Amino acid sequence: MRVTGINADQRWSQSMPAAYEQYLVPVVFRPFAEDLTARAAALRPRRILELAAGTGVLTAGLLAATPSAEVTATDLNEAMVAFGSTRAPGAVWRQADAQQLPFPDGGFDLVVCQFGVMFFPDRIEAFTEIRRVLAPGGRFLFSTWGPLGTHAFEVALQAGLERAFPADPPRFFQTVPHGYADPAVVAADLAAAGFAVEDEQELTLDGQAVSTADLVTGYLTGTPVRAAIEERGPGQAVRATVIEEMTARLGPGPVTAPMTAYVFRAAA
């Protein structure tokens, strides 16, 4: 399945959300979702819009922590919307492009986005659209990954990919998830869209994985790097090489490693 308007580094096929949910969400995304949920609940929102909701790990947290709020969860990718709607059915799920939101002006008092802003092709345009759908004084709360070097799992993963493809390794993790890792640039983009930054924090949390083999399965089959590998040749030998490299660096598991992100809160 190819999603219109998204390139190979950002493509999600129908089978990928299940691998993403099983192998990556508990290790990489749930620790930050729990933190972002608490920050969102402290704002006492009544109408929440979530962007790039993925398989719904943050959505489920928001539903539990803000039971009186109306939660609308969106994602650009139909495969994610279909999967997430089964995981967090208490939200209203819609396919939506953050740069062309299908919602009226001022319809929400909180917009949240966990690790999605890096995927927006034009961040200032997306931030301007987010500000449009926020009521006056509404908040935009979101996270973005720090530099690749601050995410120990993905440092080891990238080393494995470079070993498997020494001439032309996939650069997805460097250029997309970790490609928006300068807080000054993020703050400038928010200001250009008319937001006032209220809070910016660097946050380092530990991820805990059962095994490096599980992590490799998640990363190679549950993220857009899957397409990059398939374009380069058979994947089984690649998987073995990446597991070997990650195990050498992290151990076979259980393994615990630090991950760093930036969390922003901005007012409309």
Protein backbone atom coordinates (compact mmCIF):
# COMPACT_ATOMS: atom_id res chain seq x y z
CA MET A 1 0.00 0.00 0.00
CA ARG A 2 1.43 3.37 -0.96
CA VAL A 3 0.15 6.41 0.87
CA THR A 4 -0.41 9.41 -1.37
CA GLY A 5 1.86 12.34 -0.68
CA ILE A 6 4.39 10.39 1.39
CA ASN A 7 7.76 9.11 0.24
CA ALA A 8 9.40 5.72 0.75
CA ASP A 9 10.97 6.80 4.06
CA GLN A 10 7.52 7.51 5.48
CA ARG A 11 5.45 4.70 3.97
CA TRP A 12 3.38 2.33 6.10
CA SER A 13 2.03 -0.89 4.60
CA GLN A 14 -1.00 -2.74 5.90
CA SER A 15 1.08 -5.32 7.82
CA MET A 16 3.46 -2.94 9.57
CA PRO A 17 1.31 -1.56 12.45
CA ALA A 18 1.04 -4.99 14.12
CA ALA A 19 4.83 -5.40 14.26
CA TYR A 20 5.23 -1.79 15.39
CA GLU A 21 2.70 -2.34 18.18
CA GLN A 22 4.10 -5.67 19.36
CA TYR A 23 7.83 -4.99 19.32
CA LEU A 24 8.39 -1.23 19.43
CA VAL A 25 5.51 0.39 21.31
CA PRO A 26 6.22 -1.23 24.72
CA VAL A 27 9.94 -0.48 24.52
CA VAL A 28 10.33 2.79 22.65
CA PHE A 29 7.00 4.64 22.73
CA ARG A 30 5.03 3.72 25.85
CA PRO A 31 7.49 5.33 28.33
CA PHE A 32 7.13 8.68 26.55
CA ALA A 33 3.37 8.24 26.06
CA GLU A 34 2.94 7.89 29.82
CA ASP A 35 4.86 11.12 30.37
CA LEU A 36 2.95 13.01 27.67
CA THR A 37 -0.38 11.72 29.01
CA ALA A 38 0.37 13.18 32.44
CA ARG A 39 1.33 16.54 30.92
CA ALA A 40 -1.86 16.58 28.85
CA ALA A 41 -4.10 15.66 31.79
CA ALA A 42 -2.63 18.48 33.88
CA LEU A 43 -4.04 20.96 31.35
CA ARG A 44 -7.60 19.66 31.99
CA PRO A 45 -8.60 19.66 28.31
CA ARG A 46 -12.17 19.17 27.13
CA ARG A 47 -11.59 18.68 23.39
CA ILE A 48 -8.39 16.90 22.37
CA LEU A 49 -7.04 16.37 18.87
CA GLU A 50 -4.21 13.88 18.48
CA LEU A 51 -2.06 13.92 15.34
CA ALA A 52 0.06 11.03 14.06
CA ALA A 53 -1.66 8.79 16.59
CA GLY A 54 -0.15 5.61 15.16
CA THR A 55 -1.42 2.47 16.86
CA GLY A 56 -2.96 4.44 19.73
CA VAL A 57 -0.58 4.10 22.68
CA LEU A 58 -0.97 7.79 23.59
CA THR A 59 -4.65 7.76 22.63
CA ALA A 60 -5.39 5.02 25.15
CA GLY A 61 -3.56 6.98 27.83
CA LEU A 62 -5.49 10.16 27.08
CA LEU A 63 -8.82 8.33 27.23
CA ALA A 64 -7.97 6.90 30.64
CA ALA A 65 -6.48 10.09 32.11
CA THR A 66 -9.09 12.55 30.76
CA PRO A 67 -12.35 10.58 30.88
CA SER A 68 -14.56 13.64 30.47
CA ALA A 69 -12.71 14.91 27.38
CA GLU A 70 -13.65 14.26 23.76
CA VAL A 71 -10.66 12.67 22.03
CA THR A 72 -10.23 12.74 18.25
CA ALA A 73 -7.29 10.66 17.00
CA THR A 74 -5.88 11.07 13.50
CA ASP A 75 -3.10 9.70 11.36
CA LEU A 76 -2.10 10.25 7.75
CA ASN A 77 -1.81 6.52 7.16
CA GLU A 78 -5.00 4.53 6.77
CA ALA A 79 -3.29 1.36 8.03
CA MET A 80 -2.53 3.07 11.34
CA VAL A 81 -6.06 4.47 11.66
CA ALA A 82 -7.55 1.02 11.08
CA PHE A 83 -5.28 -0.60 13.66
CA GLY A 84 -5.44 2.20 16.23
CA SER A 85 -9.23 2.36 16.18
CA THR A 86 -9.35 -1.23 17.46
CA ARG A 87 -6.83 -0.51 20.22
CA ALA A 88 -8.40 2.73 21.50
CA PRO A 89 -12.05 2.58 20.36
CA GLY A 90 -13.16 5.28 22.79
CA ALA A 91 -11.69 7.96 20.51
CA VAL A 92 -13.09 9.21 17.22
CA TRP A 93 -10.58 8.07 14.59
CA ARG A 94 -10.03 9.83 11.26
CA GLN A 95 -7.50 9.77 8.48
CA ALA A 96 -6.08 13.30 8.26
CA ASP A 97 -3.14 15.27 6.91
CA ALA A 98 -1.70 17.63 9.53
CA GLN A 99 -1.17 20.26 6.83
CA GLN A 100 -4.85 20.17 5.78
CA LEU A 101 -6.85 19.31 8.88
CA PRO A 102 -10.54 18.57 8.20
CA PHE A 103 -11.74 20.44 11.30
CA PRO A 104 -13.24 23.90 11.90
CA ASP A 105 -11.39 26.85 13.36
CA GLY A 106 -11.05 26.81 17.14
CA GLY A 107 -12.51 23.33 17.56
CA PHE A 108 -10.03 22.03 20.16
CA ASP A 109 -8.38 23.27 23.31
CA LEU A 110 -5.46 20.81 23.12
CA VAL A 111 -3.58 19.29 20.20
CA VAL A 112 -1.10 16.53 21.06
CA CYS A 113 1.41 14.72 18.89
CA GLN A 114 3.93 12.12 20.00
CA PHE A 115 6.90 11.74 17.64
CA GLY A 116 4.97 12.80 14.57
CA VAL A 117 6.11 16.33 13.76
CA MET A 118 9.32 14.98 12.20
CA PHE A 119 7.19 13.45 9.42
CA PHE A 120 5.47 16.71 8.42
CA PRO A 121 6.85 17.81 5.02
CA ASP A 122 6.30 21.50 5.86
CA ARG A 123 6.36 21.97 9.61
CA ILE A 124 5.51 25.66 9.65
CA GLU A 125 2.50 24.99 7.45
CA ALA A 126 1.41 22.14 9.73
CA PHE A 127 1.94 24.23 12.87
CA THR A 128 -0.10 27.06 11.32
CA GLU A 129 -2.91 24.62 10.61
CA ILE A 130 -2.71 23.28 14.18
CA ARG A 131 -2.98 26.82 15.52
CA ARG A 132 -6.05 27.38 13.34
CA VAL A 133 -7.96 24.47 14.89
CA LEU A 134 -7.04 25.52 18.44
CA ALA A 135 -9.28 27.83 20.43
CA PRO A 136 -7.64 31.06 21.67
CA GLY A 137 -5.30 30.11 24.49
CA GLY A 138 -5.35 26.46 23.46
CA ARG A 139 -2.17 24.40 23.76
CA PHE A 140 -0.06 22.35 21.39
CA LEU A 141 1.83 19.62 23.28
CA PHE A 142 4.26 17.40 21.40
CA SER A 143 7.52 15.47 21.43
CA THR A 144 10.34 15.02 18.94
CA TRP A 145 13.38 12.76 19.17
CA GLY A 146 16.80 14.12 20.06
CA PRO A 147 19.86 13.42 17.87
CA LEU A 148 20.40 9.83 16.80
CA GLY A 149 23.37 9.55 19.14
CA THR A 150 21.10 10.01 22.16
CA HIS A 151 18.96 6.95 21.37
CA ALA A 152 21.05 3.89 22.27
CA PHE A 153 18.77 1.34 20.59
CA GLU A 154 18.82 3.18 17.29
CA VAL A 155 22.55 3.89 17.41
CA ALA A 156 23.09 0.13 17.56
CA LEU A 157 20.46 -0.46 14.89
CA GLN A 158 22.05 2.04 12.51
CA ALA A 159 25.45 0.41 13.05
CA GLY A 160 23.89 -2.90 12.09
CA LEU A 161 22.36 -1.43 8.93
CA GLU A 162 25.71 0.11 7.96
CA ARG A 163 27.37 -3.25 8.45
CA ALA A 164 24.72 -4.98 6.33
CA PHE A 165 24.87 -2.32 3.59
CA PRO A 166 28.34 -0.73 3.77
CA ALA A 167 28.00 1.02 0.42
CA ASP A 168 24.47 2.34 0.78
CA PRO A 169 22.90 1.93 4.24
CA PRO A 170 19.31 3.09 4.83
CA ARG A 171 19.33 6.56 6.45
CA PHE A 172 15.70 6.65 7.57
CA PHE A 173 16.44 6.94 11.29
CA GLN A 174 18.99 9.71 10.83
CA THR A 175 16.95 11.77 8.40
CA VAL A 176 13.36 11.33 9.64
CA PRO A 177 12.85 10.31 13.30
CA HIS A 178 16.04 12.11 14.34
CA GLY A 179 15.94 14.73 11.61
CA TYR A 180 14.21 17.43 13.66
CA ALA A 181 16.46 17.36 16.69
CA ASP A 182 17.48 21.00 17.16
CA PRO A 183 15.22 22.63 19.78
CA ALA A 184 16.11 26.10 18.49
CA VAL A 185 14.83 25.19 15.02
CA VAL A 186 11.63 23.72 16.48
CA ALA A 187 11.02 26.84 18.58
CA ALA A 188 11.64 29.10 15.58
CA ASP A 189 9.14 27.11 13.50
CA LEU A 190 6.54 27.39 16.24
CA ALA A 191 7.08 31.15 16.46
CA ALA A 192 6.77 31.47 12.68
CA ALA A 193 3.37 29.79 12.94
CA GLY A 194 2.22 32.21 15.63
CA PHE A 195 2.74 30.05 18.71
CA ALA A 196 4.26 31.20 22.00
CA VAL A 197 6.51 28.50 23.47
CA GLU A 198 5.58 28.04 27.13
CA ASP A 199 7.81 25.11 27.99
CA GLU A 200 10.60 23.07 26.42
CA GLN A 201 12.22 20.14 28.19
CA GLU A 202 14.83 17.56 27.36
CA LEU A 203 13.63 14.18 28.59
CA THR A 204 15.67 10.97 28.79
CA LEU A 205 13.85 7.73 29.61
CA ASP A 206 14.95 4.11 29.56
CA GLY A 207 13.49 1.53 27.21
CA GLN A 208 13.42 -2.10 28.26
CA ALA A 209 13.43 -4.81 25.60
CA VAL A 210 13.06 -8.57 26.05
CA SER A 211 15.74 -9.19 23.44
CA THR A 212 17.67 -7.47 20.69
CA ALA A 213 16.13 -9.97 18.26
CA ASP A 214 12.65 -8.65 19.09
CA LEU A 215 13.84 -5.08 18.61
CA VAL A 216 15.32 -5.92 15.22
CA THR A 217 12.07 -7.58 14.16
CA GLY A 218 10.16 -4.46 15.15
CA TYR A 219 12.48 -2.02 13.44
CA LEU A 220 12.94 -4.01 10.23
CA THR A 221 9.30 -5.01 9.73
CA GLY A 222 7.34 -2.34 11.62
CA THR A 223 8.88 0.91 10.31
CA PRO A 224 9.45 2.44 6.86
CA VAL A 225 13.03 1.11 6.86
CA ARG A 226 11.40 -2.14 5.75
CA ALA A 227 10.84 -0.69 2.27
CA ALA A 228 14.44 0.52 2.06
CA ILE A 229 15.71 -2.97 2.88
CA GLU A 230 13.36 -4.67 0.44
CA GLU A 231 14.60 -2.36 -2.30
CA ARG A 232 18.17 -3.48 -1.61
CA GLY A 233 17.69 -7.27 -1.63
CA PRO A 234 16.79 -10.31 0.52
CA GLY A 235 16.09 -9.37 4.12
CA GLN A 236 16.90 -12.55 6.07
CA ALA A 237 20.66 -12.10 5.91
CA VAL A 238 20.20 -8.43 6.80
CA ARG A 239 18.21 -9.37 9.90
CA ALA A 240 20.93 -11.77 11.06
CA THR A 241 23.65 -9.15 10.57
CA VAL A 242 21.71 -6.44 12.42
CA ILE A 243 20.91 -8.80 15.31
CA GLU A 244 24.59 -9.74 15.58
CA GLU A 245 25.69 -6.10 15.65
CA MET A 246 23.01 -4.96 18.11
CA THR A 247 23.73 -7.92 20.40
CA ALA A 248 27.44 -7.12 20.38
CA ARG A 249 26.65 -3.56 21.44
CA LEU A 250 23.71 -4.07 23.80
CA GLY A 251 23.73 -7.71 24.82
CA PRO A 252 21.20 -10.39 23.86
CA GLY A 253 18.58 -9.21 26.35
CA PRO A 254 16.82 -8.36 28.44
CA VAL A 255 18.38 -5.02 27.61
CA THR A 256 17.81 -1.52 28.96
CA ALA A 257 18.98 1.60 27.13
CA PRO A 258 18.44 5.39 27.33
CA MET A 259 16.45 7.40 24.78
CA THR A 260 16.28 11.21 24.65
CA ALA A 261 13.46 13.40 23.37
CA TYR A 262 12.37 17.04 23.55
CA VAL A 263 8.89 17.93 24.80
CA PHE A 264 7.30 21.23 23.82
CA ARG A 265 4.20 23.04 25.05
CA ALA A 266 3.09 26.05 23.03
CA ALA A 267 0.10 28.37 23.36
CA ALA A 268 -2.06 29.55 20.50
